[in-house]
Amino acid sequence: MAPFAEVEDVLKQPDWANRLRDALGLGHVRLWAGNPMTMVLMQYNLVRVHSAHIGEPAWAASPTVLDDVPRQMPNPCFFPAPKTVSKDGYGYTVDLAATGPTYRKEFLHGHIAYTLDDIRRIGEVTTDVPPSRIADARKDHRDLLASDLRHLTDLPARP
């Protein structure tokens, strides 16, 4: 999940579904048997999520290497955010785009029942992200955060 302000620029692009998949590091969203994958963009107020989970220990959390992508643990599109830039509790996405890498805030939250009013648009993912691009994107992301990481040389290179 990403705050609207983090993806507003992406949603203005004609290929927003491909670009949003890339910007949010959703490498598992790919063509299905060579056919485009339908993407439904949902938008809702977080007050609704918070209200649905009142009294529970946590209603939102930063993503970890164990989240997302079933059967592909650890998540190949995950890269931790340095603590110096993640004081607000957000995680940061690994942008899978081949040019102009960025990182955007993201977080996970508890389940809510979606309504038809939550749907903002429907698009199609028409491209795939090959594993080699994911590896390159991780390197690009690491380089973007290099000045914030105190022990950059301690991080293992991951193919």
N, C-alpha and C. Protein backbone atom coordinates (compact mmCIF):
# COMPACT_ATOMS: atom_id res chain seq x y z
N MET A 1 0.83 -1.15 0.00
CA MET A 1 0.00 0.00 0.00
C MET A 1 0.89 1.23 0.00
N ALA A 2 0.55 2.19 -0.80
CA ALA A 2 1.35 3.42 -0.85
C ALA A 2 0.43 4.61 -0.66
N PRO A 3 0.88 5.62 0.07
CA PRO A 3 0.10 6.85 0.16
C PRO A 3 -0.09 7.45 -1.24
N PHE A 4 -1.26 8.03 -1.49
CA PHE A 4 -1.58 8.58 -2.80
C PHE A 4 -0.51 9.55 -3.30
N ALA A 5 0.00 10.40 -2.42
CA ALA A 5 1.00 11.39 -2.83
C ALA A 5 2.26 10.74 -3.39
N GLU A 6 2.56 9.51 -2.95
CA GLU A 6 3.75 8.80 -3.42
C GLU A 6 3.61 8.29 -4.85
N VAL A 7 2.38 8.10 -5.31
CA VAL A 7 2.18 7.50 -6.65
C VAL A 7 1.38 8.39 -7.59
N GLU A 8 1.00 9.56 -7.14
CA GLU A 8 0.17 10.45 -7.96
C GLU A 8 0.80 10.72 -9.33
N ASP A 9 2.11 10.95 -9.38
CA ASP A 9 2.79 11.22 -10.66
C ASP A 9 2.74 10.01 -11.59
N VAL A 10 2.83 8.82 -11.03
CA VAL A 10 2.79 7.59 -11.82
C VAL A 10 1.42 7.42 -12.46
N LEU A 11 0.38 7.76 -11.73
CA LEU A 11 -0.98 7.57 -12.22
C LEU A 11 -1.34 8.51 -13.37
N LYS A 12 -0.53 9.52 -13.61
CA LYS A 12 -0.76 10.45 -14.72
C LYS A 12 -0.19 9.93 -16.03
N GLN A 13 0.57 8.84 -15.98
CA GLN A 13 1.21 8.31 -17.17
C GLN A 13 0.26 7.35 -17.91
N PRO A 14 0.33 7.32 -19.25
CA PRO A 14 -0.57 6.45 -20.01
C PRO A 14 -0.40 4.97 -19.69
N ASP A 15 0.80 4.55 -19.37
CA ASP A 15 1.04 3.14 -19.02
C ASP A 15 1.11 2.98 -17.49
N TRP A 16 0.19 3.63 -16.80
CA TRP A 16 0.21 3.70 -15.34
C TRP A 16 0.24 2.32 -14.69
N ALA A 17 -0.42 1.33 -15.24
CA ALA A 17 -0.46 0.01 -14.60
C ALA A 17 0.93 -0.63 -14.58
N ASN A 18 1.64 -0.60 -15.72
CA ASN A 18 3.02 -1.12 -15.76
C ASN A 18 3.91 -0.31 -14.83
N ARG A 19 3.78 1.00 -14.89
CA ARG A 19 4.65 1.87 -14.10
C ARG A 19 4.37 1.75 -12.61
N LEU A 20 3.10 1.59 -12.22
CA LEU A 20 2.78 1.42 -10.81
C LEU A 20 3.33 0.09 -10.29
N ARG A 21 3.20 -0.96 -11.10
CA ARG A 21 3.78 -2.26 -10.73
C ARG A 21 5.27 -2.10 -10.47
N ASP A 22 5.96 -1.39 -11.38
CA ASP A 22 7.40 -1.18 -11.22
C ASP A 22 7.73 -0.32 -10.00
N ALA A 23 7.02 0.80 -9.86
CA ALA A 23 7.30 1.74 -8.77
C ALA A 23 7.09 1.11 -7.40
N LEU A 24 6.14 0.18 -7.30
CA LEU A 24 5.86 -0.45 -6.01
C LEU A 24 6.60 -1.77 -5.82
N GLY A 25 7.47 -2.12 -6.77
CA GLY A 25 8.27 -3.33 -6.62
C GLY A 25 7.46 -4.60 -6.65
N LEU A 26 6.41 -4.64 -7.45
CA LEU A 26 5.53 -5.80 -7.52
C LEU A 26 5.95 -6.72 -8.66
N GLY A 27 7.15 -7.25 -8.55
CA GLY A 27 7.72 -8.08 -9.60
C GLY A 27 6.94 -9.35 -9.89
N HIS A 28 6.10 -9.78 -8.97
CA HIS A 28 5.29 -10.98 -9.19
C HIS A 28 4.06 -10.71 -10.05
N VAL A 29 3.74 -9.43 -10.30
CA VAL A 29 2.62 -9.08 -11.17
C VAL A 29 3.16 -9.09 -12.60
N ARG A 30 2.76 -10.11 -13.34
CA ARG A 30 3.30 -10.29 -14.69
C ARG A 30 2.24 -10.81 -15.62
N LEU A 31 2.63 -10.96 -16.87
CA LEU A 31 1.71 -11.49 -17.86
C LEU A 31 1.25 -12.88 -17.43
N TRP A 32 0.03 -13.21 -17.75
CA TRP A 32 -0.55 -14.51 -17.41
C TRP A 32 -0.68 -15.30 -18.71
N ALA A 33 0.18 -16.31 -18.88
CA ALA A 33 0.19 -17.13 -20.11
C ALA A 33 0.30 -16.23 -21.34
N GLY A 34 1.12 -15.18 -21.23
CA GLY A 34 1.33 -14.27 -22.35
C GLY A 34 0.28 -13.20 -22.50
N ASN A 35 -0.73 -13.20 -21.65
CA ASN A 35 -1.82 -12.22 -21.73
C ASN A 35 -1.65 -11.15 -20.65
N PRO A 36 -2.14 -9.93 -20.92
CA PRO A 36 -2.05 -8.87 -19.92
C PRO A 36 -2.74 -9.26 -18.62
N MET A 37 -2.22 -8.74 -17.51
CA MET A 37 -2.79 -8.96 -16.18
C MET A 37 -3.60 -7.72 -15.82
N THR A 38 -4.84 -7.92 -15.42
CA THR A 38 -5.69 -6.79 -15.03
C THR A 38 -5.27 -6.29 -13.65
N MET A 39 -5.17 -4.96 -13.53
CA MET A 39 -4.83 -4.34 -12.27
C MET A 39 -5.97 -3.40 -11.88
N VAL A 40 -6.45 -3.54 -10.66
CA VAL A 40 -7.52 -2.68 -10.15
C VAL A 40 -6.89 -1.76 -9.11
N LEU A 41 -7.00 -0.48 -9.33
CA LEU A 41 -6.46 0.51 -8.41
C LEU A 41 -7.54 0.90 -7.40
N MET A 42 -7.22 0.70 -6.12
CA MET A 42 -8.15 1.02 -5.05
C MET A 42 -7.63 2.25 -4.30
N GLN A 43 -8.55 3.10 -3.87
CA GLN A 43 -8.18 4.26 -3.05
C GLN A 43 -9.22 4.42 -1.95
N TYR A 44 -8.74 4.58 -0.73
CA TYR A 44 -9.63 4.70 0.42
C TYR A 44 -8.90 5.44 1.53
N ASN A 45 -9.66 5.93 2.48
CA ASN A 45 -9.12 6.67 3.60
C ASN A 45 -8.62 5.70 4.67
N LEU A 46 -7.44 5.94 5.19
CA LEU A 46 -6.87 5.06 6.21
C LEU A 46 -7.62 5.09 7.54
N VAL A 47 -8.45 6.09 7.74
CA VAL A 47 -9.26 6.11 8.94
C VAL A 47 -10.16 4.88 8.96
N ARG A 48 -10.62 4.48 7.80
CA ARG A 48 -11.46 3.28 7.70
C ARG A 48 -10.69 2.03 8.13
N VAL A 49 -9.44 1.93 7.73
CA VAL A 49 -8.61 0.78 8.12
C VAL A 49 -8.38 0.81 9.63
N HIS A 50 -8.01 1.97 10.14
CA HIS A 50 -7.76 2.11 11.57
C HIS A 50 -9.00 1.75 12.38
N SER A 51 -10.15 2.25 11.95
CA SER A 51 -11.40 1.97 12.67
C SER A 51 -11.74 0.48 12.65
N ALA A 52 -11.43 -0.20 11.57
CA ALA A 52 -11.73 -1.62 11.46
C ALA A 52 -10.86 -2.46 12.39
N HIS A 53 -9.76 -1.88 12.86
CA HIS A 53 -8.81 -2.65 13.67
C HIS A 53 -8.58 -2.04 15.06
N ILE A 54 -9.51 -1.23 15.52
CA ILE A 54 -9.38 -0.64 16.87
C ILE A 54 -9.31 -1.76 17.90
N GLY A 55 -8.39 -1.60 18.82
CA GLY A 55 -8.23 -2.58 19.89
C GLY A 55 -7.24 -3.69 19.56
N GLU A 56 -6.81 -3.77 18.32
CA GLU A 56 -5.81 -4.77 17.94
C GLU A 56 -4.42 -4.17 18.16
N PRO A 57 -3.41 -5.02 18.37
CA PRO A 57 -2.07 -4.51 18.68
C PRO A 57 -1.49 -3.60 17.59
N ALA A 58 -1.78 -3.89 16.34
CA ALA A 58 -1.22 -3.07 15.26
C ALA A 58 -2.17 -3.11 14.07
N TRP A 59 -2.38 -1.98 13.45
CA TRP A 59 -3.23 -1.95 12.27
C TRP A 59 -2.41 -1.72 11.00
N ALA A 60 -1.16 -1.30 11.16
CA ALA A 60 -0.29 -1.06 10.01
C ALA A 60 1.14 -1.41 10.40
N ALA A 61 1.95 -1.75 9.40
CA ALA A 61 3.34 -2.14 9.66
C ALA A 61 4.19 -1.87 8.43
N SER A 62 5.48 -1.74 8.66
CA SER A 62 6.42 -1.64 7.54
C SER A 62 6.60 -3.02 6.93
N PRO A 63 6.76 -3.09 5.61
CA PRO A 63 6.99 -4.39 4.98
C PRO A 63 8.35 -4.97 5.39
N THR A 64 8.44 -6.29 5.30
CA THR A 64 9.70 -6.97 5.57
C THR A 64 10.01 -7.91 4.42
N VAL A 65 11.16 -8.53 4.49
CA VAL A 65 11.59 -9.47 3.47
C VAL A 65 10.65 -10.68 3.40
N LEU A 66 9.86 -10.90 4.43
CA LEU A 66 8.97 -12.06 4.46
C LEU A 66 7.58 -11.77 3.89
N ASP A 67 7.29 -10.52 3.57
CA ASP A 67 5.97 -10.16 3.07
C ASP A 67 5.87 -10.30 1.56
N ASP A 68 4.63 -10.60 1.10
CA ASP A 68 4.33 -10.63 -0.32
C ASP A 68 4.91 -11.87 -0.99
N VAL A 69 4.67 -12.02 -2.23
CA VAL A 69 5.20 -13.03 -3.13
C VAL A 69 5.23 -14.45 -2.52
N PRO A 70 4.09 -15.09 -2.43
CA PRO A 70 4.06 -16.46 -1.89
C PRO A 70 5.01 -17.38 -2.67
N ARG A 71 5.63 -18.28 -1.97
CA ARG A 71 6.54 -19.30 -2.52
C ARG A 71 7.83 -18.71 -3.08
N GLN A 72 8.15 -17.45 -2.80
CA GLN A 72 9.40 -16.86 -3.27
C GLN A 72 10.14 -16.19 -2.12
N MET A 73 10.09 -16.79 -0.95
CA MET A 73 10.74 -16.17 0.19
C MET A 73 12.24 -16.37 0.11
N PRO A 74 13.04 -15.42 0.46
CA PRO A 74 12.62 -14.07 0.78
C PRO A 74 12.20 -13.31 -0.48
N ASN A 75 11.41 -12.28 -0.29
CA ASN A 75 10.88 -11.50 -1.41
C ASN A 75 12.03 -10.89 -2.21
N PRO A 76 12.18 -11.25 -3.49
CA PRO A 76 13.30 -10.73 -4.29
C PRO A 76 13.20 -9.24 -4.60
N CYS A 77 12.03 -8.64 -4.40
CA CYS A 77 11.85 -7.21 -4.69
C CYS A 77 11.91 -6.36 -3.43
N PHE A 78 12.31 -6.95 -2.33
CA PHE A 78 12.38 -6.20 -1.07
C PHE A 78 13.81 -5.75 -0.81
N PHE A 79 13.93 -4.55 -0.25
CA PHE A 79 15.20 -4.05 0.23
C PHE A 79 14.89 -3.17 1.43
N PRO A 80 15.51 -3.41 2.56
CA PRO A 80 15.15 -2.63 3.75
C PRO A 80 15.53 -1.16 3.61
N ALA A 81 14.76 -0.34 4.29
CA ALA A 81 15.06 1.09 4.31
C ALA A 81 16.01 1.38 5.46
N PRO A 82 16.96 2.26 5.27
CA PRO A 82 17.83 2.63 6.39
C PRO A 82 17.03 3.33 7.47
N LYS A 83 17.41 3.12 8.70
CA LYS A 83 16.66 3.69 9.83
C LYS A 83 16.66 5.21 9.79
N THR A 84 17.70 5.81 9.24
CA THR A 84 17.76 7.27 9.23
C THR A 84 16.69 7.90 8.34
N VAL A 85 16.19 7.16 7.35
CA VAL A 85 15.13 7.72 6.50
C VAL A 85 13.78 7.10 6.79
N SER A 86 13.73 6.11 7.67
CA SER A 86 12.49 5.41 7.94
C SER A 86 11.97 5.66 9.35
N LYS A 87 12.22 6.84 9.87
CA LYS A 87 11.79 7.16 11.23
C LYS A 87 10.27 7.18 11.36
N ASP A 88 9.57 7.42 10.26
CA ASP A 88 8.10 7.48 10.31
C ASP A 88 7.45 6.10 10.21
N GLY A 89 8.27 5.05 10.11
CA GLY A 89 7.73 3.70 10.10
C GLY A 89 7.42 3.14 8.72
N TYR A 90 7.66 3.89 7.68
CA TYR A 90 7.40 3.40 6.34
C TYR A 90 8.53 2.49 5.88
N GLY A 91 8.21 1.59 4.97
CA GLY A 91 9.22 0.88 4.22
C GLY A 91 9.40 1.64 2.92
N TYR A 92 10.33 1.22 2.11
CA TYR A 92 10.54 1.87 0.82
C TYR A 92 10.58 0.82 -0.27
N THR A 93 9.94 1.13 -1.38
CA THR A 93 9.85 0.18 -2.47
C THR A 93 11.15 0.11 -3.26
N VAL A 94 11.35 -1.00 -3.94
CA VAL A 94 12.44 -1.15 -4.91
C VAL A 94 11.80 -0.93 -6.27
N ASP A 95 12.14 0.18 -6.90
CA ASP A 95 11.56 0.52 -8.21
C ASP A 95 12.17 -0.38 -9.27
N LEU A 96 11.34 -1.11 -9.98
CA LEU A 96 11.80 -2.06 -10.99
C LEU A 96 11.96 -1.44 -12.38
N ALA A 97 11.69 -0.15 -12.51
CA ALA A 97 11.83 0.52 -13.80
C ALA A 97 13.29 0.53 -14.23
N ALA A 98 13.50 0.43 -15.54
CA ALA A 98 14.86 0.38 -16.07
C ALA A 98 15.54 1.75 -16.06
N THR A 99 14.76 2.82 -16.00
CA THR A 99 15.35 4.16 -15.99
C THR A 99 14.75 4.99 -14.87
N GLY A 100 15.53 5.91 -14.35
CA GLY A 100 15.06 6.84 -13.32
C GLY A 100 14.61 6.20 -12.04
N PRO A 101 15.45 5.36 -11.40
CA PRO A 101 15.00 4.69 -10.19
C PRO A 101 14.68 5.68 -9.08
N THR A 102 13.65 5.35 -8.32
CA THR A 102 13.23 6.16 -7.18
C THR A 102 12.97 5.21 -6.02
N TYR A 103 12.59 5.74 -4.91
CA TYR A 103 12.02 4.89 -3.87
C TYR A 103 10.85 5.64 -3.29
N ARG A 104 9.82 4.89 -2.98
CA ARG A 104 8.58 5.46 -2.50
C ARG A 104 8.18 4.80 -1.19
N LYS A 105 7.49 5.56 -0.37
CA LYS A 105 7.03 5.04 0.91
C LYS A 105 5.95 3.98 0.69
N GLU A 106 5.96 2.97 1.54
CA GLU A 106 4.90 1.97 1.52
C GLU A 106 4.72 1.38 2.90
N PHE A 107 3.56 0.81 3.13
CA PHE A 107 3.31 0.08 4.37
C PHE A 107 2.19 -0.92 4.14
N LEU A 108 2.06 -1.82 5.06
CA LEU A 108 1.03 -2.85 5.01
C LEU A 108 -0.01 -2.52 6.07
N HIS A 109 -1.24 -2.95 5.82
CA HIS A 109 -2.26 -2.76 6.85
C HIS A 109 -3.18 -3.97 6.89
N GLY A 110 -3.93 -4.05 7.96
CA GLY A 110 -4.87 -5.14 8.15
C GLY A 110 -5.96 -5.13 7.09
N HIS A 111 -6.61 -6.26 6.95
CA HIS A 111 -7.66 -6.44 5.94
C HIS A 111 -8.86 -5.54 6.20
N ILE A 112 -9.41 -5.03 5.12
CA ILE A 112 -10.71 -4.34 5.16
C ILE A 112 -11.55 -4.90 4.02
N ALA A 113 -12.84 -4.76 4.14
CA ALA A 113 -13.73 -5.17 3.06
C ALA A 113 -13.82 -4.01 2.07
N TYR A 114 -13.37 -4.24 0.85
CA TYR A 114 -13.43 -3.21 -0.18
C TYR A 114 -14.86 -3.05 -0.69
N THR A 115 -15.14 -1.88 -1.20
CA THR A 115 -16.44 -1.62 -1.82
C THR A 115 -16.20 -1.18 -3.26
N LEU A 116 -17.25 -1.17 -4.05
CA LEU A 116 -17.12 -0.71 -5.44
C LEU A 116 -16.67 0.75 -5.48
N ASP A 117 -17.03 1.53 -4.47
CA ASP A 117 -16.63 2.94 -4.43
C ASP A 117 -15.12 3.11 -4.25
N ASP A 118 -14.42 2.07 -3.80
CA ASP A 118 -12.97 2.15 -3.61
C ASP A 118 -12.22 2.07 -4.93
N ILE A 119 -12.85 1.53 -5.97
CA ILE A 119 -12.18 1.37 -7.27
C ILE A 119 -12.03 2.73 -7.93
N ARG A 120 -10.78 3.06 -8.28
CA ARG A 120 -10.50 4.34 -8.96
C ARG A 120 -10.26 4.15 -10.45
N ARG A 121 -9.65 3.03 -10.81
CA ARG A 121 -9.44 2.75 -12.23
C ARG A 121 -9.00 1.31 -12.41
N ILE A 122 -9.15 0.84 -13.64
CA ILE A 122 -8.76 -0.51 -14.00
C ILE A 122 -7.82 -0.39 -15.20
N GLY A 123 -6.70 -1.10 -15.14
CA GLY A 123 -5.72 -1.06 -16.23
C GLY A 123 -5.15 -2.44 -16.46
N GLU A 124 -4.19 -2.50 -17.36
CA GLU A 124 -3.55 -3.78 -17.67
C GLU A 124 -2.05 -3.67 -17.59
N VAL A 125 -1.44 -4.66 -16.94
CA VAL A 125 0.00 -4.81 -16.95
C VAL A 125 0.32 -5.59 -18.22
N THR A 126 1.11 -4.98 -19.10
CA THR A 126 1.36 -5.56 -20.42
C THR A 126 2.82 -5.97 -20.62
N THR A 127 3.63 -5.82 -19.58
CA THR A 127 5.04 -6.19 -19.67
C THR A 127 5.43 -7.05 -18.48
N ASP A 128 6.54 -7.74 -18.59
CA ASP A 128 7.10 -8.53 -17.50
C ASP A 128 8.37 -7.87 -16.99
N VAL A 129 8.76 -8.24 -15.79
CA VAL A 129 10.03 -7.79 -15.22
C VAL A 129 10.90 -9.03 -15.08
N PRO A 130 11.93 -9.17 -15.91
CA PRO A 130 12.78 -10.36 -15.82
C PRO A 130 13.62 -10.36 -14.54
N PRO A 131 14.02 -11.54 -14.06
CA PRO A 131 14.85 -11.62 -12.85
C PRO A 131 16.11 -10.77 -12.92
N SER A 132 16.71 -10.64 -14.10
CA SER A 132 17.91 -9.82 -14.22
C SER A 132 17.60 -8.35 -13.92
N ARG A 133 16.41 -7.88 -14.28
CA ARG A 133 16.02 -6.50 -14.00
C ARG A 133 15.81 -6.31 -12.49
N ILE A 134 15.26 -7.33 -11.84
CA ILE A 134 15.07 -7.24 -10.39
C ILE A 134 16.43 -7.11 -9.70
N ALA A 135 17.41 -7.90 -10.13
CA ALA A 135 18.75 -7.81 -9.55
C ALA A 135 19.35 -6.42 -9.78
N ASP A 136 19.20 -5.89 -10.99
CA ASP A 136 19.70 -4.54 -11.29
C ASP A 136 18.96 -3.49 -10.46
N ALA A 137 17.65 -3.66 -10.30
CA ALA A 137 16.85 -2.70 -9.54
C ALA A 137 17.29 -2.68 -8.07
N ARG A 138 17.61 -3.85 -7.52
CA ARG A 138 18.11 -3.91 -6.14
C ARG A 138 19.41 -3.13 -6.01
N LYS A 139 20.29 -3.27 -7.01
CA LYS A 139 21.56 -2.53 -6.98
C LYS A 139 21.29 -1.02 -7.08
N ASP A 140 20.39 -0.63 -8.01
CA ASP A 140 20.04 0.79 -8.15
C ASP A 140 19.48 1.34 -6.84
N HIS A 141 18.62 0.57 -6.19
CA HIS A 141 17.99 0.99 -4.93
C HIS A 141 19.06 1.15 -3.84
N ARG A 142 19.94 0.19 -3.77
CA ARG A 142 21.04 0.24 -2.80
C ARG A 142 21.88 1.50 -3.03
N ASP A 143 22.15 1.81 -4.28
CA ASP A 143 22.94 3.00 -4.60
C ASP A 143 22.20 4.29 -4.22
N LEU A 144 20.86 4.31 -4.39
CA LEU A 144 20.08 5.48 -4.01
C LEU A 144 20.18 5.76 -2.51
N LEU A 145 20.28 4.68 -1.73
CA LEU A 145 20.29 4.81 -0.28
C LEU A 145 21.70 4.81 0.32
N ALA A 146 22.71 4.74 -0.52
CA ALA A 146 24.09 4.58 -0.04
C ALA A 146 24.49 5.62 0.99
N SER A 147 24.11 6.86 0.80
CA SER A 147 24.53 7.91 1.74
C SER A 147 23.85 7.77 3.10
N ASP A 148 22.73 7.05 3.16
CA ASP A 148 22.02 6.88 4.42
C ASP A 148 22.41 5.62 5.18
N LEU A 149 23.02 4.68 4.49
CA LEU A 149 23.38 3.42 5.12
C LEU A 149 24.73 3.56 5.83
N ARG A 150 24.76 3.29 7.09
CA ARG A 150 25.98 3.46 7.87
C ARG A 150 27.00 2.37 7.59
N HIS A 151 26.54 1.19 7.27
CA HIS A 151 27.44 0.06 7.06
C HIS A 151 27.19 -0.56 5.69
N LEU A 152 27.23 0.25 4.66
CA LEU A 152 26.93 -0.21 3.31
C LEU A 152 27.79 -1.39 2.89
N THR A 153 29.03 -1.37 3.27
CA THR A 153 29.93 -2.45 2.85
C THR A 153 29.61 -3.78 3.55
N ASP A 154 28.83 -3.72 4.62
CA ASP A 154 28.44 -4.95 5.32
C ASP A 154 27.29 -5.69 4.62
N LEU A 155 26.59 -4.98 3.73
CA LEU A 155 25.46 -5.61 3.03
C LEU A 155 25.99 -6.56 1.97
N PRO A 156 25.54 -7.79 2.00
CA PRO A 156 26.01 -8.74 0.98
C PRO A 156 25.42 -8.41 -0.38
N ALA A 157 26.21 -8.61 -1.40
CA ALA A 157 25.69 -8.47 -2.76
C ALA A 157 24.78 -9.66 -2.99
N ARG A 158 23.65 -9.44 -3.60
CA ARG A 158 22.71 -10.51 -3.85
C ARG A 158 22.44 -10.57 -5.35
N PRO A 159 22.64 -11.73 -5.94
CA PRO A 159 22.41 -11.83 -7.40
C PRO A 159 20.97 -11.62 -7.75
